[in-house]
Structures are given as C-alpha cells and as structure tokens.
Protein backbone atom coordinates (compact mmCIF):
# COMPACT_ATOMS: atom_id res chain seq x y z
CA MET A 1 114.01 69.45 111.16
CA HIS A 2 114.50 73.11 110.68
CA LEU A 3 113.56 74.72 107.60
CA ASP A 4 115.38 78.31 106.84
CA LEU A 5 113.83 80.04 104.19
CA SER A 6 115.03 83.17 105.04
CA GLN A 7 117.22 83.58 102.19
CA PHE A 8 114.44 83.81 99.67
CA SER A 9 112.68 86.78 102.26
CA ASP A 10 113.64 89.76 99.80
CA TYR A 11 112.41 87.49 96.61
CA SER A 12 109.04 86.64 98.25
CA LEU A 13 108.90 90.63 98.92
CA VAL A 14 109.32 91.65 95.70
CA PHE A 15 106.44 88.88 94.56
CA LEU A 16 104.11 90.27 97.32
CA ARG A 17 104.64 93.79 95.89
CA ILE A 18 103.89 92.58 92.04
CA MET A 19 101.16 90.80 93.27
CA VAL A 20 99.44 93.96 95.40
CA ALA A 21 99.95 96.05 92.33
CA LEU A 22 98.50 93.86 90.06
CA VAL A 23 95.47 94.43 91.96
CA PHE A 24 95.38 98.18 93.36
CA ALA A 25 96.30 99.27 89.42
CA SER A 26 93.99 97.14 87.91
CA SER A 27 90.98 98.29 90.44
CA GLY A 28 92.47 102.00 89.95
CA TYR A 29 92.28 101.69 86.26
CA SER A 30 89.03 100.72 86.34
CA HIS A 31 87.98 103.53 89.08
CA ALA A 32 89.63 106.05 86.57
CA THR A 33 88.75 105.10 82.84
CA LYS A 34 84.74 103.60 84.42
CA ALA A 35 84.05 106.55 86.88
CA ASP A 36 80.45 106.84 85.97
CA GLU A 37 80.05 102.91 86.71
CA ARG A 38 82.51 102.77 89.32
CA SER A 39 80.65 105.70 91.15
CA LYS A 40 77.70 104.19 91.35
CA ASP A 41 78.67 100.70 92.22
CA ILE A 42 80.35 102.21 95.36
CA GLY A 43 78.51 105.25 95.96
CA MET A 44 80.47 108.03 96.19
CA PRO A 45 80.29 111.26 93.68
CA LYS A 46 82.91 110.66 90.43
CA GLY A 47 84.94 112.93 91.24
CA PHE A 48 85.76 111.06 94.12
CA THR A 49 85.65 107.77 92.20
CA ILE A 50 88.45 109.47 89.85
CA PHE A 51 90.37 110.32 92.96
CA LEU A 52 90.15 107.22 94.28
CA GLY A 53 91.33 106.19 90.70
CA VAL A 54 94.10 107.66 90.64
CA ALA A 55 95.33 107.27 93.90
CA GLU A 56 95.24 103.38 93.80
CA MET A 57 97.41 103.71 90.57
CA ALA A 58 99.61 105.85 92.37
CA GLY A 59 100.31 102.76 95.00
CA ALA A 60 100.74 100.41 93.25
CA ALA A 61 103.14 102.53 90.85
CA GLY A 62 105.40 103.09 94.40
CA ILE A 63 104.46 99.51 95.61
CA VAL A 64 105.94 97.87 92.18
CA LEU A 65 108.98 100.25 91.92
CA GLY A 66 109.69 100.62 95.67
CA VAL A 67 109.67 104.08 95.52
CA LEU A 68 108.83 105.81 99.35
CA THR A 69 106.96 101.88 99.23
CA PRO A 70 105.63 102.07 103.42
CA PHE A 71 104.50 105.25 102.40
CA ALA A 72 102.56 103.75 98.94
CA ALA A 73 101.40 100.97 101.34
CA ILE A 74 100.21 102.89 104.04
CA GLY A 75 97.99 105.02 101.61
CA LEU A 76 96.52 101.98 100.00
CA ILE A 77 95.73 100.88 103.61
CA LEU A 78 93.87 104.07 103.72
CA VAL A 79 91.95 103.14 100.97
CA MET A 80 91.25 99.61 102.33
CA LEU A 81 90.01 101.29 106.00
CA GLY A 82 87.71 103.30 103.29
CA ALA A 83 86.26 100.22 102.08
CA LEU A 84 86.14 97.76 105.32
CA GLN A 85 84.09 100.77 107.00
CA LYS A 86 81.98 100.93 103.99
CA LYS A 87 81.08 97.22 103.76
CA ILE A 88 81.16 96.56 107.39
CA PHE A 89 79.17 99.71 108.87
CA VAL A 90 77.48 101.15 105.51
CA TRP A 91 76.15 97.98 103.46
CA LYS A 92 76.02 95.64 106.62
CA THR A 93 77.82 92.65 105.03
CA GLY A 94 79.50 90.36 106.84
CA PHE A 95 82.96 88.56 106.85
CA TRP A 96 82.17 86.38 103.68
CA GLY A 97 79.34 88.45 102.16
CA LYS A 98 76.66 87.49 99.80
CA ASP A 99 78.36 85.78 96.99
CA GLY A 100 81.81 85.51 98.06
CA LEU A 101 81.34 89.73 98.38
CA GLY A 102 82.47 90.18 101.78
CA TRP A 103 85.20 92.12 103.29
CA ASN A 104 87.74 89.23 103.78
CA TYR A 105 89.57 90.53 100.54
CA GLU A 106 89.68 93.53 101.61
CA LEU A 107 91.49 92.70 105.52
CA ILE A 108 93.80 89.89 103.38
CA LEU A 109 95.14 93.30 101.26
CA VAL A 110 95.09 95.16 104.51
CA SER A 111 97.62 92.09 105.87
CA MET A 112 99.93 91.93 103.08
CA LEU A 113 100.07 95.98 102.84
CA LEU A 114 101.68 95.53 105.89
CA VAL A 115 104.17 93.73 105.78
CA VAL A 116 105.07 95.57 102.82
CA ALA A 117 104.99 98.48 105.23
CA CYS A 118 106.82 97.03 108.03
CA THR A 119 109.60 95.62 106.05
CA GLY A 120 109.82 98.70 103.70
CA GLY A 121 109.62 96.54 100.82
CA GLY A 122 112.68 94.30 101.16
CA ARG A 123 116.14 94.88 99.76
CA PHE A 124 115.02 95.50 95.89
CA VAL A 125 113.58 98.77 96.10
CA LEU A 126 114.55 102.13 94.19
CA CYS A 127 114.08 104.58 96.99
CA PRO A 128 112.86 103.62 100.63
C-alpha cells in the first residue's frame, strides 16, 4: 500500500519554516538584548553577539515571511556552521555533549534549513 502525502508538502514546509523561525527569533532576541551575558556564554565580543542576534532575527523574519527564503536559510546555515565549529573544534563537545549540550541541536537545524533552502520554502512565500 502506498500512502501519498505529497499534497500536504507546502503546508508542512510552512510549519517547518514557522518552527525554524521561532528558534532563531528567540535566540536572536536573547543575543541582541542580553549581549553582555550571551557574549560571555559563547566566548565572543559583545558587538559580534549583537550582530549575531540581529542576523538571527533577520533570517527568522525572512524564513517565516517567505522573503528571499533560500538566502535567509543559507545565512542561518552559516550561523549554525559557526556554532558547530565552536562546539566541535574549540569546546571539544561531543555529538550529545555533556548534559545534552552537544552539537546535535545545531545539526538538526542545519538539516531543517537545508530543506527550506532547497525547496525555496514551498508555495506559500511572499518573495521567492
């Protein structure tokens, strides 16, 4: 028996975009508004932390609204590659990490963003 759910792919992409946008908007807001605290957590200068927060919020807006969606997704993938680099090579964190703080989360987000980038976000976008 073959179950064809392809008729729902555009709706599932909207859901995926909303979830990705929520994660990055929340993280970006935290980076931008709590820059002193967050810069110490991630080991980066305060100015870069604010830039990172603004970039995450802009990417989240592009993803959720469907404005230049593939470019927004690629930008956020670059942010996640930076996080992966830091966790794997600088902090030497394992996949699951200590207390669940590994780099599995970043890899899941990269996977989600790849789907968004490669599909253009689906049919329900404002500006492809």
